[in-house]
PDB file of N, CA and C in Angstrom:
ATOM      1  N   MET A   1       0.826  -1.196   0.000  1.00  0.00           N
ATOM      2  CA  MET A   1       0.000   0.000   0.000  1.00  0.00           C
ATOM      3  C   MET A   1       0.867   1.255   0.000  1.00  0.00           C
ATOM      4  N   SER A   2       1.999   1.177   0.667  1.00  0.00           N
ATOM      5  CA  SER A   2       2.863   2.362   0.710  1.00  0.00           C
ATOM      6  C   SER A   2       3.444   2.677  -0.662  1.00  0.00           C
ATOM      7  N   SER A   3       3.672   1.656  -1.496  1.00  0.00           N
ATOM      8  CA  SER A   3       4.198   1.931  -2.832  1.00  0.00           C
ATOM      9  C   SER A   3       3.155   2.645  -3.691  1.00  0.00           C
ATOM     10  N   VAL A   4       1.881   2.310  -3.506  1.00  0.00           N
ATOM     11  CA  VAL A   4       0.811   2.997  -4.227  1.00  0.00           C
ATOM     12  C   VAL A   4       0.736   4.442  -3.764  1.00  0.00           C
ATOM     13  N   ARG A   5       0.804   4.649  -2.475  1.00  0.00           N
ATOM     14  CA  ARG A   5       0.743   6.008  -1.922  1.00  0.00           C
ATOM     15  C   ARG A   5       1.933   6.827  -2.413  1.00  0.00           C
ATOM     16  N   ARG A   6       3.103   6.205  -2.442  1.00  0.00           N
ATOM     17  CA  ARG A   6       4.308   6.895  -2.897  1.00  0.00           C
ATOM     18  C   ARG A   6       4.173   7.272  -4.378  1.00  0.00           C
ATOM     19  N   PHE A   7       3.635   6.345  -5.197  1.00  0.00           N
ATOM     20  CA  PHE A   7       3.445   6.637  -6.614  1.00  0.00           C
ATOM     21  C   PHE A   7       2.493   7.806  -6.810  1.00  0.00           C
ATOM     22  N   LEU A   8       1.402   7.830  -6.042  1.00  0.00           N
ATOM     23  CA  LEU A   8       0.425   8.903  -6.185  1.00  0.00           C
ATOM     24  C   LEU A   8       0.972  10.250  -5.730  1.00  0.00           C
ATOM     25  N   MET A   9       1.946  10.242  -4.854  1.00  0.00           N
ATOM     26  CA  MET A   9       2.529  11.488  -4.377  1.00  0.00           C
ATOM     27  C   MET A   9       3.590  12.029  -5.342  1.00  0.00           C
ATOM     28  N   GLU A  10       4.140  11.172  -6.192  1.00  0.00           N
ATOM     29  CA  GLU A  10       5.173  11.605  -7.129  1.00  0.00           C
ATOM     30  C   GLU A  10       4.558  12.412  -8.271  1.00  0.00           C
ATOM     31  N   GLU A  11       5.396  13.165  -8.927  1.00  0.00           N
ATOM     32  CA  GLU A  11       4.948  13.980 -10.053  1.00  0.00           C
ATOM     33  C   GLU A  11       4.560  13.129 -11.248  1.00  0.00           C
ATOM     34  N   ASP A  12       5.179  11.973 -11.409  1.00  0.00           N
ATOM     35  CA  ASP A  12       4.849  11.079 -12.524  1.00  0.00           C
ATOM     36  C   ASP A  12       3.403  10.606 -12.454  1.00  0.00           C
ATOM     37  N   ALA A  13       2.893  10.430 -11.266  1.00  0.00           N
ATOM     38  CA  ALA A  13       1.506   9.983 -11.108  1.00  0.00           C
ATOM     39  C   ALA A  13       0.548  11.040 -11.642  1.00  0.00           C
ATOM     40  N   ALA A  14       0.842  12.295 -11.345  1.00  0.00           N
ATOM     41  CA  ALA A  14      -0.019  13.374 -11.839  1.00  0.00           C
ATOM     42  C   ALA A  14       0.018  13.419 -13.361  1.00  0.00           C
ATOM     43  N   THR A  15       1.181  13.232 -13.921  1.00  0.00           N
ATOM     44  CA  THR A  15       1.303  13.233 -15.373  1.00  0.00           C
ATOM     45  C   THR A  15       0.532  12.067 -15.979  1.00  0.00           C
ATOM     46  N   ALA A  16       0.625  10.898 -15.361  1.00  0.00           N
ATOM     47  CA  ALA A  16      -0.094   9.723 -15.856  1.00  0.00           C
ATOM     48  C   ALA A  16      -1.604   9.947 -15.793  1.00  0.00           C
ATOM     49  N   VAL A  17      -2.068  10.552 -14.715  1.00  0.00           N
ATOM     50  CA  VAL A  17      -3.496  10.831 -14.567  1.00  0.00           C
ATOM     51  C   VAL A  17      -3.935  11.852 -15.613  1.00  0.00           C
ATOM     52  N   GLU A  18      -3.140  12.862 -15.843  1.00  0.00           N
ATOM     53  CA  GLU A  18      -3.474  13.869 -16.855  1.00  0.00           C
ATOM     54  C   GLU A  18      -3.582  13.237 -18.236  1.00  0.00           C
ATOM     55  N   TYR A  19      -2.647  12.360 -18.576  1.00  0.00           N
ATOM     56  CA  TYR A  19      -2.710  11.685 -19.869  1.00  0.00           C
ATOM     57  C   TYR A  19      -3.929  10.777 -19.953  1.00  0.00           C
ATOM     58  N   ALA A  20      -4.256  10.102 -18.875  1.00  0.00           N
ATOM     59  CA  ALA A  20      -5.434   9.227 -18.875  1.00  0.00           C
ATOM     60  C   ALA A  20      -6.709  10.036 -19.092  1.00  0.00           C
ATOM     61  N   VAL A  21      -6.813  11.183 -18.455  1.00  0.00           N
ATOM     62  CA  VAL A  21      -7.985  12.047 -18.638  1.00  0.00           C
ATOM     63  C   VAL A  21      -8.031  12.562 -20.071  1.00  0.00           C
ATOM     64  N   MET A  22      -6.881  12.939 -20.611  1.00  0.00           N
ATOM     65  CA  MET A  22      -6.825  13.446 -21.976  1.00  0.00           C
ATOM     66  C   MET A  22      -7.249  12.355 -22.969  1.00  0.00           C
ATOM     67  N   VAL A  23      -6.777  11.137 -22.783  1.00  0.00           N
ATOM     68  CA  VAL A  23      -7.156  10.029 -23.669  1.00  0.00           C
ATOM     69  C   VAL A  23      -8.646   9.750 -23.551  1.00  0.00           C
ATOM     70  N   ALA A  24      -9.183   9.801 -22.337  1.00  0.00           N
ATOM     71  CA  ALA A  24     -10.613   9.567 -22.143  1.00  0.00           C
ATOM     72  C   ALA A  24     -11.442  10.630 -22.865  1.00  0.00           C
ATOM     73  N   MET A  25     -11.020  11.869 -22.801  1.00  0.00           N
ATOM     74  CA  MET A  25     -11.747  12.945 -23.484  1.00  0.00           C
ATOM     75  C   MET A  25     -11.687  12.781 -25.007  1.00  0.00           C
ATOM     76  N   ILE A  26     -10.533  12.389 -25.525  1.00  0.00           N
ATOM     77  CA  ILE A  26     -10.396  12.168 -26.963  1.00  0.00           C
ATOM     78  C   ILE A  26     -11.292  11.021 -27.406  1.00  0.00           C
ATOM     79  N   LEU A  27     -11.299   9.931 -26.648  1.00  0.00           N
ATOM     80  CA  LEU A  27     -12.158   8.800 -26.989  1.00  0.00           C
ATOM     81  C   LEU A  27     -13.628   9.181 -26.943  1.00  0.00           C
ATOM     82  N   LEU A  28     -14.017   9.934 -25.942  1.00  0.00           N
ATOM     83  CA  LEU A  28     -15.411  10.373 -25.832  1.00  0.00           C
ATOM     84  C   LEU A  28     -15.801  11.238 -27.031  1.00  0.00           C
ATOM     85  N   THR A  29     -14.915  12.137 -27.418  1.00  0.00           N
ATOM     86  CA  THR A  29     -15.174  12.988 -28.576  1.00  0.00           C
ATOM     87  C   THR A  29     -15.322  12.157 -29.841  1.00  0.00           C
ATOM     88  N   CYS A  30     -14.458  11.175 -30.016  1.00  0.00           N
ATOM     89  CA  CYS A  30     -14.539  10.299 -31.199  1.00  0.00           C
ATOM     90  C   CYS A  30     -15.842   9.514 -31.208  1.00  0.00           C
ATOM     91  N   ILE A  31     -16.239   8.973 -30.074  1.00  0.00           N
ATOM     92  CA  ILE A  31     -17.471   8.194 -29.995  1.00  0.00           C
ATOM     93  C   ILE A  31     -18.680   9.056 -30.331  1.00  0.00           C
ATOM     94  N   VAL A  32     -18.726  10.264 -29.787  1.00  0.00           N
ATOM     95  CA  VAL A  32     -19.848  11.171 -30.069  1.00  0.00           C
ATOM     96  C   VAL A  32     -19.875  11.544 -31.549  1.00  0.00           C
ATOM     97  N   ALA A  33     -18.721  11.826 -32.129  1.00  0.00           N
ATOM     98  CA  ALA A  33     -18.662  12.200 -33.543  1.00  0.00           C
ATOM     99  C   ALA A  33     -19.102  11.045 -34.430  1.00  0.00           C
ATOM    100  N   ILE A  34     -18.638   9.841 -34.128  1.00  0.00           N
ATOM    101  CA  ILE A  34     -19.016   8.677 -34.932  1.00  0.00           C
ATOM    102  C   ILE A  34     -20.506   8.391 -34.799  1.00  0.00           C
ATOM    103  N   ALA A  35     -21.046   8.495 -33.600  1.00  0.00           N
ATOM    104  CA  ALA A  35     -22.480   8.261 -33.401  1.00  0.00           C
ATOM    105  C   ALA A  35     -23.309   9.292 -34.156  1.00  0.00           C
ATOM    106  N   SER A  36     -22.897  10.539 -34.104  1.00  0.00           N
ATOM    107  CA  SER A  36     -23.616  11.595 -34.808  1.00  0.00           C
ATOM    108  C   SER A  36     -23.553  11.377 -36.321  1.00  0.00           C
ATOM    109  N   PHE A  37     -22.388  11.047 -36.825  1.00  0.00           N
ATOM    110  CA  PHE A  37     -22.229  10.795 -38.258  1.00  0.00           C
ATOM    111  C   PHE A  37     -23.065   9.593 -38.691  1.00  0.00           C
ATOM    112  N   GLY A  38     -23.099   8.569 -37.837  1.00  0.00           N
ATOM    113  CA  GLY A  38     -23.900   7.390 -38.140  1.00  0.00           C
ATOM    114  C   GLY A  38     -25.378   7.702 -38.208  1.00  0.00           C
ATOM    115  N   ASN A  39     -25.860   8.508 -37.288  1.00  0.00           N
ATOM    116  CA  ASN A  39     -27.272   8.895 -37.293  1.00  0.00           C
ATOM    117  C   ASN A  39     -27.618   9.710 -38.533  1.00  0.00           C
ATOM    118  N   GLN A  40     -26.761  10.633 -38.901  1.00  0.00           N
ATOM    119  CA  GLN A  40     -27.000  11.455 -40.087  1.00  0.00           C
ATOM    120  C   GLN A  40     -26.993  10.606 -41.353  1.00  0.00           C
ATOM    121  N   THR A  41     -26.070   9.661 -41.430  1.00  0.00           N
ATOM    122  CA  THR A  41     -26.001   8.779 -42.592  1.00  0.00           C
ATOM    123  C   THR A  41     -27.240   7.898 -42.671  1.00  0.00           C
ATOM    124  N   ASN A  42     -27.681   7.388 -41.547  1.00  0.00           N
ATOM    125  CA  ASN A  42     -28.882   6.563 -41.506  1.00  0.00           C
ATOM    126  C   ASN A  42     -30.098   7.354 -41.981  1.00  0.00           C
ATOM    127  N   THR A  43     -30.233   8.573 -41.520  1.00  0.00           N
ATOM    128  CA  THR A  43     -31.348   9.425 -41.939  1.00  0.00           C
ATOM    129  C   THR A  43     -31.290   9.686 -43.442  1.00  0.00           C
ATOM    130  N   MET A  44     -30.097   9.916 -43.968  1.00  0.00           N
ATOM    131  CA  MET A  44     -29.942  10.169 -45.395  1.00  0.00           C
ATOM    132  C   MET A  44     -30.404   8.954 -46.204  1.00  0.00           C
ATOM    133  N   TYR A  45     -29.978   7.771 -45.799  1.00  0.00           N
ATOM    134  CA  TYR A  45     -30.382   6.566 -46.536  1.00  0.00           C
ATOM    135  C   TYR A  45     -31.873   6.280 -46.392  1.00  0.00           C
ATOM    136  N   GLN A  46     -32.457   6.601 -45.256  1.00  0.00           N
ATOM    137  CA  GLN A  46     -33.905   6.435 -45.103  1.00  0.00           C
ATOM    138  C   GLN A  46     -34.664   7.382 -46.041  1.00  0.00           C
ATOM    139  N   ASN A  47     -34.173   8.604 -46.172  1.00  0.00           N
ATOM    140  CA  ASN A  47     -34.797   9.559 -47.094  1.00  0.00           C
ATOM    141  C   ASN A  47     -34.691   9.079 -48.539  1.00  0.00           C
ATOM    142  N   ILE A  48     -33.532   8.541 -48.893  1.00  0.00           N
ATOM    143  CA  ILE A  48     -33.340   8.014 -50.250  1.00  0.00           C
ATOM    144  C   ILE A  48     -34.309   6.851 -50.490  1.00  0.00           C
ATOM    145  N   GLU A  49     -34.410   5.959 -49.514  1.00  0.00           N
ATOM    146  CA  GLU A  49     -35.329   4.819 -49.656  1.00  0.00           C
ATOM    147  C   GLU A  49     -36.771   5.281 -49.807  1.00  0.00           C
ATOM    148  N   THR A  50     -37.167   6.266 -49.021  1.00  0.00           N
ATOM    149  CA  THR A  50     -38.535   6.791 -49.105  1.00  0.00           C
ATOM    150  C   THR A  50     -38.793   7.373 -50.487  1.00  0.00           C
ATOM    151  N   GLU A  51     -37.840   8.140 -51.013  1.00  0.00           N
ATOM    152  CA  GLU A  51     -38.015   8.739 -52.347  1.00  0.00           C
ATOM    153  C   GLU A  51     -38.075   7.676 -53.437  1.00  0.00           C
ATOM    154  N   LEU A  52     -37.247   6.646 -53.321  1.00  0.00           N
ATOM    155  CA  LEU A  52     -37.255   5.593 -54.324  1.00  0.00           C
ATOM    156  C   LEU A  52     -38.561   4.794 -54.287  1.00  0.00           C
ATOM    157  N   ASN A  53     -39.082   4.546 -53.108  1.00  0.00           N
ATOM    158  CA  ASN A  53     -40.325   3.811 -52.977  1.00  0.00           C
ATOM    159  C   ASN A  53     -41.530   4.632 -53.430  1.00  0.00           C
ATOM    160  N   ALA A  54     -41.424   5.940 -53.402  1.00  0.00           N
ATOM    161  CA  ALA A  54     -42.528   6.808 -53.796  1.00  0.00           C
ATOM    162  C   ALA A  54     -42.687   6.859 -55.303  1.00  0.00           C
ATOM    163  N   HIS A  55     -41.648   6.510 -56.049  1.00  0.00           N
ATOM    164  CA  HIS A  55     -41.726   6.621 -57.514  1.00  0.00           C
ATOM    165  C   HIS A  55     -41.900   5.300 -58.147  1.00  0.00           C
TER     166      HIS A  55
END
């Protein structure tokens, strides 16, 4: 337990935590962008299908 406490008190631990938070934010941004793009693409194809079925 003391080695964990020592690691958390060192400056390297803060840097590791900062990088972990940064990676998490980047991943979250990518997931949101991909989900949004997927929804827009799905809507576009549904509109195309509706137009094709109408004619």
